[in-house]
Amino acid sequence: MKKIQIGDVFEIATSKGKGYFQYIYSNKTIGELIRILPGLYLDKPRNMIAIAAAKEVYFVHFPLKAAFKKGIVQFIGNYSLPQDLELPRQMRSKNVDKNGNLICWYIVEYDTWRRVIIKELTKDQKKLSPWGIWNDTLLIERLAEGWTPEEWT
C-alpha cells in the first residue's frame, strides 16, 4: 500500500458527489491536517491541477492514514502545494452546555495550543477553520451540505 505524502490529493464520496482534499501537514499529537478543496463533482474532474491550486475552503484534522488503509478515501495524485499556502495560525472550537447552547468560543493558537476565550466572534474569526479531528462520517456530512466556517456560528 502506498505511503501517504505531503501534497497527496484524495477523493471521498458523499451523497451529493465526490469531494477532494489535500494532505498538507502531520502534527505528532493531533494527526494529519488536510485542506478541503472547493466543489463536489459527479465525475473525477479533468482539471485536478487547477482544483489542487485553488484556495481551500477550510482546514481540518482527519485520520487520513486510517481512512486510506480502510479504503474510505481514494488516492488521486500528488500535486504541488500552492506557493502562498500557510498553515493556519489559529483555529476555533465551540464550547456548549449540555443543551447545546453556546457558552463561548475558543480561539486556538495552532503552534502552542494556547486557547483564548471569546464570547462573540469577529468577522475574521468566523473564517477560522475548526479545531479538532473530524472522522469520515462528519467530513462526508459537511462536504455534502456545503459547510463553511463562516456559517458555523
N, C-alpha and C. Protein backbone atom coordinates (compact mmCIF):
# COMPACT_ATOMS: atom_id res chain seq x y z
N MET A 1 0.84 -1.19 0.00
CA MET A 1 0.00 0.00 0.00
C MET A 1 0.89 1.25 0.00
N LYS A 2 0.47 2.24 -0.74
CA LYS A 2 1.21 3.49 -0.86
C LYS A 2 1.32 4.21 0.48
N LYS A 3 2.46 4.79 0.73
CA LYS A 3 2.64 5.64 1.90
C LYS A 3 2.20 7.05 1.52
N ILE A 4 1.35 7.64 2.35
CA ILE A 4 0.87 8.98 2.00
C ILE A 4 1.98 10.01 2.16
N GLN A 5 1.92 11.04 1.32
CA GLN A 5 2.94 12.09 1.31
C GLN A 5 2.27 13.45 1.26
N ILE A 6 2.98 14.45 1.78
CA ILE A 6 2.50 15.83 1.68
C ILE A 6 2.24 16.13 0.20
N GLY A 7 1.09 16.74 -0.07
CA GLY A 7 0.71 17.07 -1.44
C GLY A 7 -0.26 16.07 -2.06
N ASP A 8 -0.41 14.91 -1.44
CA ASP A 8 -1.34 13.91 -1.97
C ASP A 8 -2.77 14.44 -1.92
N VAL A 9 -3.49 14.23 -3.00
CA VAL A 9 -4.91 14.60 -3.08
C VAL A 9 -5.72 13.31 -3.05
N PHE A 10 -6.80 13.35 -2.27
CA PHE A 10 -7.67 12.20 -2.10
C PHE A 10 -9.10 12.57 -2.44
N GLU A 11 -9.86 11.54 -2.76
CA GLU A 11 -11.28 11.67 -3.08
C GLU A 11 -12.08 10.95 -2.01
N ILE A 12 -13.22 11.55 -1.63
CA ILE A 12 -14.14 10.90 -0.71
C ILE A 12 -15.55 11.07 -1.25
N ALA A 13 -16.31 10.00 -1.26
CA ALA A 13 -17.67 10.02 -1.82
C ALA A 13 -18.66 10.57 -0.80
N THR A 14 -19.56 11.43 -1.28
CA THR A 14 -20.67 11.94 -0.47
C THR A 14 -21.97 11.64 -1.21
N SER A 15 -23.08 11.93 -0.57
CA SER A 15 -24.38 11.71 -1.20
C SER A 15 -24.63 12.68 -2.36
N LYS A 16 -23.82 13.73 -2.45
CA LYS A 16 -24.03 14.75 -3.48
C LYS A 16 -22.88 14.85 -4.47
N GLY A 17 -21.97 13.92 -4.41
CA GLY A 17 -20.84 13.94 -5.33
C GLY A 17 -19.54 13.64 -4.60
N LYS A 18 -18.47 13.73 -5.34
CA LYS A 18 -17.15 13.43 -4.79
C LYS A 18 -16.47 14.71 -4.34
N GLY A 19 -15.92 14.65 -3.13
CA GLY A 19 -15.17 15.77 -2.59
C GLY A 19 -13.68 15.44 -2.63
N TYR A 20 -12.87 16.49 -2.68
CA TYR A 20 -11.42 16.31 -2.77
C TYR A 20 -10.73 17.13 -1.69
N PHE A 21 -9.64 16.58 -1.20
CA PHE A 21 -8.84 17.29 -0.21
C PHE A 21 -7.38 16.94 -0.40
N GLN A 22 -6.52 17.81 0.15
CA GLN A 22 -5.08 17.63 0.00
C GLN A 22 -4.43 17.53 1.38
N TYR A 23 -3.57 16.56 1.52
CA TYR A 23 -2.80 16.36 2.75
C TYR A 23 -1.66 17.36 2.78
N ILE A 24 -1.59 18.17 3.86
CA ILE A 24 -0.59 19.23 3.88
C ILE A 24 0.38 19.20 5.06
N TYR A 25 0.03 18.48 6.14
CA TYR A 25 0.89 18.56 7.32
C TYR A 25 0.52 17.42 8.28
N SER A 26 1.51 16.97 9.04
CA SER A 26 1.25 15.98 10.08
C SER A 26 1.71 16.53 11.42
N ASN A 27 0.79 16.61 12.36
CA ASN A 27 1.09 17.05 13.71
C ASN A 27 1.24 15.79 14.56
N LYS A 28 2.34 15.69 15.31
CA LYS A 28 2.62 14.48 16.07
C LYS A 28 1.52 14.13 17.06
N THR A 29 0.80 15.13 17.54
CA THR A 29 -0.23 14.88 18.55
C THR A 29 -1.62 14.71 17.95
N ILE A 30 -2.00 15.58 17.05
CA ILE A 30 -3.39 15.60 16.57
C ILE A 30 -3.55 14.98 15.18
N GLY A 31 -2.45 14.67 14.51
CA GLY A 31 -2.53 13.92 13.27
C GLY A 31 -2.48 14.73 12.00
N GLU A 32 -3.06 14.16 10.95
CA GLU A 32 -2.95 14.72 9.61
C GLU A 32 -3.88 15.92 9.42
N LEU A 33 -3.30 16.98 8.86
CA LEU A 33 -4.06 18.19 8.54
C LEU A 33 -4.31 18.18 7.04
N ILE A 34 -5.57 18.39 6.67
CA ILE A 34 -5.93 18.42 5.25
C ILE A 34 -6.56 19.76 4.92
N ARG A 35 -6.47 20.12 3.65
CA ARG A 35 -7.16 21.32 3.16
C ARG A 35 -8.27 20.85 2.25
N ILE A 36 -9.46 21.34 2.53
CA ILE A 36 -10.64 20.95 1.77
C ILE A 36 -10.68 21.78 0.50
N LEU A 37 -10.71 21.09 -0.63
CA LEU A 37 -10.71 21.77 -1.92
C LEU A 37 -12.15 22.09 -2.33
N PRO A 38 -12.34 23.16 -3.09
CA PRO A 38 -13.71 23.60 -3.42
C PRO A 38 -14.45 22.65 -4.36
N GLY A 39 -15.76 22.55 -4.13
CA GLY A 39 -16.65 21.86 -5.04
C GLY A 39 -16.89 20.39 -4.73
N LEU A 40 -18.01 19.90 -5.26
CA LEU A 40 -18.34 18.48 -5.29
C LEU A 40 -18.55 18.12 -6.76
N TYR A 41 -18.18 16.92 -7.13
CA TYR A 41 -18.17 16.54 -8.54
C TYR A 41 -18.82 15.17 -8.72
N LEU A 42 -19.62 15.03 -9.78
CA LEU A 42 -20.22 13.73 -10.09
C LEU A 42 -19.19 12.78 -10.68
N ASP A 43 -18.25 13.32 -11.45
CA ASP A 43 -17.17 12.54 -12.03
C ASP A 43 -15.84 13.18 -11.65
N LYS A 44 -14.77 12.39 -11.71
CA LYS A 44 -13.45 12.93 -11.39
C LYS A 44 -13.15 14.09 -12.35
N PRO A 45 -12.83 15.26 -11.79
CA PRO A 45 -12.54 16.42 -12.64
C PRO A 45 -11.30 16.19 -13.50
N ARG A 46 -11.34 16.75 -14.69
CA ARG A 46 -10.18 16.66 -15.60
C ARG A 46 -9.11 17.68 -15.23
N ASN A 47 -9.51 18.73 -14.54
CA ASN A 47 -8.59 19.82 -14.22
C ASN A 47 -8.13 19.76 -12.76
N MET A 48 -7.69 18.59 -12.33
CA MET A 48 -7.30 18.41 -10.93
C MET A 48 -6.14 19.33 -10.53
N ILE A 49 -5.26 19.66 -11.45
CA ILE A 49 -4.16 20.58 -11.13
C ILE A 49 -4.73 21.93 -10.70
N ALA A 50 -5.72 22.42 -11.43
CA ALA A 50 -6.35 23.71 -11.09
C ALA A 50 -7.10 23.63 -9.77
N ILE A 51 -7.77 22.52 -9.54
CA ILE A 51 -8.52 22.36 -8.28
C ILE A 51 -7.55 22.31 -7.11
N ALA A 52 -6.45 21.58 -7.25
CA ALA A 52 -5.45 21.50 -6.18
C ALA A 52 -4.76 22.84 -5.93
N ALA A 53 -4.71 23.68 -6.94
CA ALA A 53 -4.08 25.00 -6.80
C ALA A 53 -5.05 26.04 -6.23
N ALA A 54 -6.34 25.72 -6.19
CA ALA A 54 -7.35 26.68 -5.74
C ALA A 54 -7.26 26.93 -4.24
N LYS A 55 -7.79 28.06 -3.82
CA LYS A 55 -7.87 28.40 -2.40
C LYS A 55 -8.77 27.37 -1.70
N GLU A 56 -8.30 26.87 -0.59
CA GLU A 56 -9.07 25.88 0.16
C GLU A 56 -10.31 26.52 0.79
N VAL A 57 -11.29 25.68 1.08
CA VAL A 57 -12.49 26.14 1.77
C VAL A 57 -12.20 26.25 3.26
N TYR A 58 -11.48 25.27 3.80
CA TYR A 58 -11.04 25.28 5.19
C TYR A 58 -10.03 24.16 5.40
N PHE A 59 -9.45 24.15 6.60
CA PHE A 59 -8.53 23.11 7.03
C PHE A 59 -9.21 22.29 8.13
N VAL A 60 -8.84 21.03 8.25
CA VAL A 60 -9.33 20.23 9.37
C VAL A 60 -8.38 19.04 9.56
N HIS A 61 -8.27 18.58 10.79
CA HIS A 61 -7.52 17.36 11.06
C HIS A 61 -8.43 16.17 10.78
N PHE A 62 -7.85 15.16 10.16
CA PHE A 62 -8.61 14.00 9.71
C PHE A 62 -7.69 12.78 9.77
N PRO A 63 -8.18 11.64 10.27
CA PRO A 63 -7.33 10.44 10.36
C PRO A 63 -7.10 9.81 8.97
N LEU A 64 -6.33 10.51 8.17
CA LEU A 64 -6.14 10.15 6.77
C LEU A 64 -5.51 8.78 6.58
N LYS A 65 -4.47 8.49 7.33
CA LYS A 65 -3.79 7.20 7.15
C LYS A 65 -4.76 6.05 7.37
N ALA A 66 -5.56 6.13 8.42
CA ALA A 66 -6.53 5.07 8.71
C ALA A 66 -7.61 5.01 7.64
N ALA A 67 -8.10 6.17 7.21
CA ALA A 67 -9.16 6.20 6.19
C ALA A 67 -8.66 5.63 4.86
N PHE A 68 -7.41 5.92 4.53
CA PHE A 68 -6.83 5.40 3.29
C PHE A 68 -6.65 3.88 3.38
N LYS A 69 -6.14 3.43 4.51
CA LYS A 69 -5.92 2.00 4.71
C LYS A 69 -7.23 1.21 4.63
N LYS A 70 -8.33 1.81 5.12
CA LYS A 70 -9.64 1.14 5.11
C LYS A 70 -10.39 1.33 3.79
N GLY A 71 -9.82 2.10 2.86
CA GLY A 71 -10.48 2.31 1.58
C GLY A 71 -11.60 3.33 1.60
N ILE A 72 -11.67 4.14 2.64
CA ILE A 72 -12.70 5.17 2.76
C ILE A 72 -12.41 6.32 1.80
N VAL A 73 -11.13 6.58 1.58
CA VAL A 73 -10.71 7.62 0.64
C VAL A 73 -9.84 6.98 -0.43
N GLN A 74 -9.83 7.58 -1.62
CA GLN A 74 -9.04 7.06 -2.73
C GLN A 74 -7.97 8.08 -3.12
N PHE A 75 -6.77 7.59 -3.31
CA PHE A 75 -5.66 8.43 -3.75
C PHE A 75 -5.89 8.84 -5.20
N ILE A 76 -5.72 10.14 -5.47
CA ILE A 76 -5.89 10.67 -6.83
C ILE A 76 -4.54 10.99 -7.46
N GLY A 77 -3.67 11.64 -6.71
CA GLY A 77 -2.36 12.01 -7.23
C GLY A 77 -1.67 12.95 -6.27
N ASN A 78 -0.42 13.24 -6.55
CA ASN A 78 0.33 14.18 -5.73
C ASN A 78 0.49 15.47 -6.52
N TYR A 79 0.12 16.57 -5.89
CA TYR A 79 0.15 17.88 -6.54
C TYR A 79 0.90 18.86 -5.65
N SER A 80 1.55 19.81 -6.28
CA SER A 80 2.28 20.83 -5.53
C SER A 80 1.32 21.60 -4.63
N LEU A 81 1.80 21.92 -3.44
CA LEU A 81 1.02 22.79 -2.57
C LEU A 81 1.07 24.20 -3.16
N PRO A 82 -0.01 24.96 -3.03
CA PRO A 82 0.03 26.34 -3.53
C PRO A 82 1.19 27.11 -2.89
N GLN A 83 1.86 27.95 -3.67
CA GLN A 83 3.03 28.68 -3.17
C GLN A 83 2.69 29.57 -1.99
N ASP A 84 1.48 30.11 -1.96
CA ASP A 84 1.10 31.02 -0.88
C ASP A 84 0.45 30.30 0.30
N LEU A 85 0.43 28.98 0.29
CA LEU A 85 -0.20 28.22 1.37
C LEU A 85 0.58 28.38 2.67
N GLU A 86 -0.14 28.70 3.72
CA GLU A 86 0.44 28.76 5.06
C GLU A 86 -0.41 27.90 5.98
N LEU A 87 0.23 27.24 6.93
CA LEU A 87 -0.53 26.53 7.94
C LEU A 87 -1.38 27.54 8.70
N PRO A 88 -2.54 27.14 9.15
CA PRO A 88 -3.35 28.09 9.91
C PRO A 88 -2.63 28.50 11.19
N ARG A 89 -2.68 29.77 11.51
CA ARG A 89 -2.09 30.26 12.76
C ARG A 89 -3.04 30.04 13.92
N GLN A 90 -4.33 30.14 13.59
CA GLN A 90 -5.37 29.95 14.60
C GLN A 90 -6.49 29.09 14.02
N MET A 91 -7.16 28.39 14.92
CA MET A 91 -8.37 27.64 14.57
C MET A 91 -9.36 27.92 15.69
N ARG A 92 -10.56 27.39 15.59
CA ARG A 92 -11.52 27.66 16.65
C ARG A 92 -12.34 26.44 17.01
N SER A 93 -12.84 26.45 18.24
CA SER A 93 -13.76 25.40 18.68
C SER A 93 -14.88 26.05 19.48
N LYS A 94 -16.00 25.36 19.50
CA LYS A 94 -17.21 25.87 20.15
C LYS A 94 -17.38 25.15 21.48
N ASN A 95 -17.66 25.91 22.52
CA ASN A 95 -17.93 25.35 23.84
C ASN A 95 -19.41 25.54 24.12
N VAL A 96 -20.13 24.42 24.28
CA VAL A 96 -21.57 24.49 24.52
C VAL A 96 -21.93 23.79 25.83
N ASP A 97 -23.10 24.15 26.37
CA ASP A 97 -23.58 23.47 27.58
C ASP A 97 -24.28 22.16 27.19
N LYS A 98 -24.83 21.47 28.19
CA LYS A 98 -25.43 20.16 27.94
C LYS A 98 -26.65 20.22 27.02
N ASN A 99 -27.23 21.41 26.86
CA ASN A 99 -28.39 21.59 25.98
C ASN A 99 -27.99 22.08 24.59
N GLY A 100 -26.69 22.25 24.37
CA GLY A 100 -26.21 22.71 23.07
C GLY A 100 -26.15 24.21 22.91
N ASN A 101 -26.38 24.94 24.01
CA ASN A 101 -26.32 26.40 23.96
C ASN A 101 -24.87 26.88 24.04
N LEU A 102 -24.55 27.87 23.25
CA LEU A 102 -23.18 28.40 23.22
C LEU A 102 -22.79 29.00 24.56
N ILE A 103 -21.65 28.57 25.06
CA ILE A 103 -21.05 29.19 26.25
C ILE A 103 -20.02 30.20 25.77
N CYS A 104 -19.12 29.74 24.91
CA CYS A 104 -18.08 30.62 24.37
C CYS A 104 -17.41 29.91 23.20
N TRP A 105 -16.54 30.64 22.55
CA TRP A 105 -15.66 30.09 21.51
C TRP A 105 -14.25 30.05 22.07
N TYR A 106 -13.48 29.07 21.64
CA TYR A 106 -12.06 29.04 21.93
C TYR A 106 -11.33 29.33 20.62
N ILE A 107 -10.47 30.32 20.66
CA ILE A 107 -9.55 30.56 19.55
C ILE A 107 -8.26 29.87 19.95
N VAL A 108 -7.83 28.91 19.15
CA VAL A 108 -6.68 28.08 19.49
C VAL A 108 -5.50 28.46 18.61
N GLU A 109 -4.38 28.82 19.26
CA GLU A 109 -3.14 29.08 18.54
C GLU A 109 -2.60 27.73 18.07
N TYR A 110 -2.41 27.59 16.77
CA TYR A 110 -2.06 26.29 16.21
C TYR A 110 -0.72 25.77 16.73
N ASP A 111 0.27 26.62 16.83
CA ASP A 111 1.61 26.17 17.24
C ASP A 111 1.70 25.79 18.71
N THR A 112 1.01 26.53 19.57
CA THR A 112 1.16 26.35 21.01
C THR A 112 -0.04 25.70 21.68
N TRP A 113 -1.15 25.64 21.00
CA TRP A 113 -2.43 25.16 21.52
C TRP A 113 -3.00 26.07 22.61
N ARG A 114 -2.42 27.25 22.74
CA ARG A 114 -2.94 28.23 23.69
C ARG A 114 -4.35 28.62 23.26
N ARG A 115 -5.27 28.66 24.22
CA ARG A 115 -6.66 28.98 23.92
C ARG A 115 -7.04 30.32 24.53
N VAL A 116 -7.78 31.08 23.75
CA VAL A 116 -8.32 32.34 24.21
C VAL A 116 -9.84 32.22 24.15
N ILE A 117 -10.50 32.61 25.23
CA ILE A 117 -11.96 32.53 25.28
C ILE A 117 -12.55 33.78 24.64
N ILE A 118 -13.49 33.57 23.74
CA ILE A 118 -14.16 34.66 23.03
C ILE A 118 -15.67 34.46 23.18
N LYS A 119 -16.38 35.51 23.53
CA LYS A 119 -17.84 35.41 23.63
C LYS A 119 -18.51 35.63 22.28
N GLU A 120 -17.98 36.56 21.49
CA GLU A 120 -18.56 36.86 20.19
C GLU A 120 -17.45 36.94 19.16
N LEU A 121 -17.63 36.24 18.06
CA LEU A 121 -16.60 36.19 17.02
C LEU A 121 -16.62 37.43 16.15
N THR A 122 -15.42 37.86 15.76
CA THR A 122 -15.30 38.93 14.78
C THR A 122 -15.52 38.33 13.39
N LYS A 123 -15.62 39.19 12.39
CA LYS A 123 -15.78 38.72 11.01
C LYS A 123 -14.61 37.82 10.61
N ASP A 124 -13.39 38.20 10.97
CA ASP A 124 -12.21 37.39 10.63
C ASP A 124 -12.19 36.07 11.40
N GLN A 125 -12.60 36.09 12.66
CA GLN A 125 -12.62 34.85 13.45
C GLN A 125 -13.65 33.85 12.93
N LYS A 126 -14.70 34.35 12.30
CA LYS A 126 -15.71 33.45 11.71
C LYS A 126 -15.15 32.67 10.53
N LYS A 127 -14.03 33.11 9.98
CA LYS A 127 -13.40 32.42 8.86
C LYS A 127 -12.43 31.32 9.32
N LEU A 128 -12.15 31.26 10.62
CA LEU A 128 -11.18 30.28 11.13
C LEU A 128 -11.71 28.86 10.98
N SER A 129 -10.83 27.97 10.63
CA SER A 129 -11.18 26.55 10.48
C SER A 129 -11.44 25.92 11.83
N PRO A 130 -12.15 24.80 11.84
CA PRO A 130 -12.46 24.13 13.10
C PRO A 130 -11.24 23.43 13.71
N TRP A 131 -11.11 23.57 15.02
CA TRP A 131 -10.07 22.87 15.77
C TRP A 131 -10.61 21.51 16.17
N GLY A 132 -9.79 20.50 16.04
CA GLY A 132 -10.20 19.16 16.43
C GLY A 132 -10.01 18.19 15.28
N ILE A 133 -10.48 16.98 15.48
CA ILE A 133 -10.34 15.92 14.48
C ILE A 133 -11.73 15.51 14.02
N TRP A 134 -11.94 15.52 12.72
CA TRP A 134 -13.20 15.04 12.15
C TRP A 134 -13.02 13.62 11.65
N ASN A 135 -13.99 12.76 11.94
CA ASN A 135 -13.95 11.42 11.35
C ASN A 135 -14.56 11.46 9.96
N ASP A 136 -14.55 10.33 9.26
CA ASP A 136 -15.04 10.32 7.89
C ASP A 136 -16.53 10.64 7.81
N THR A 137 -17.32 10.21 8.77
CA THR A 137 -18.76 10.49 8.75
C THR A 137 -19.02 11.98 8.80
N LEU A 138 -18.36 12.69 9.70
CA LEU A 138 -18.56 14.13 9.81
C LEU A 138 -18.04 14.85 8.57
N LEU A 139 -16.88 14.45 8.08
CA LEU A 139 -16.34 15.08 6.88
C LEU A 139 -17.30 14.91 5.70
N ILE A 140 -17.82 13.73 5.52
CA ILE A 140 -18.75 13.46 4.42
C ILE A 140 -20.01 14.32 4.57
N GLU A 141 -20.56 14.39 5.78
CA GLU A 141 -21.75 15.22 6.02
C GLU A 141 -21.49 16.68 5.70
N ARG A 142 -20.38 17.19 6.20
CA ARG A 142 -20.05 18.60 5.98
C ARG A 142 -19.84 18.92 4.50
N LEU A 143 -19.14 18.03 3.80
CA LEU A 143 -18.94 18.24 2.37
C LEU A 143 -20.27 18.25 1.63
N ALA A 144 -21.14 17.29 1.94
CA ALA A 144 -22.42 17.17 1.25
C ALA A 144 -23.32 18.39 1.48
N GLU A 145 -23.23 18.97 2.66
CA GLU A 145 -24.08 20.13 2.95
C GLU A 145 -23.44 21.45 2.54
N GLY A 146 -22.22 21.41 1.99
CA GLY A 146 -21.55 22.64 1.57
C GLY A 146 -21.12 23.52 2.73
N TRP A 147 -20.81 22.89 3.84
CA TRP A 147 -20.45 23.59 5.08
C TRP A 147 -19.24 24.49 4.88
N THR A 148 -19.29 25.68 5.48
CA THR A 148 -18.13 26.58 5.52
C THR A 148 -17.99 27.13 6.94
N PRO A 149 -16.79 27.52 7.33
CA PRO A 149 -16.61 28.06 8.68
C PRO A 149 -17.47 29.29 8.96
N GLU A 150 -17.69 30.11 7.94
CA GLU A 150 -18.47 31.34 8.14
C GLU A 150 -19.90 31.06 8.59
N GLU A 151 -20.43 29.90 8.22
CA GLU A 151 -21.79 29.52 8.61
C GLU A 151 -21.87 28.94 10.01
N TRP A 152 -20.73 28.62 10.59
CA TRP A 152 -20.66 27.95 11.88
C TRP A 152 -20.64 29.00 12.99
N THR A 153 -21.82 29.37 13.45
CA THR A 153 -21.91 30.41 14.49
C THR A 153 -22.78 29.96 15.63
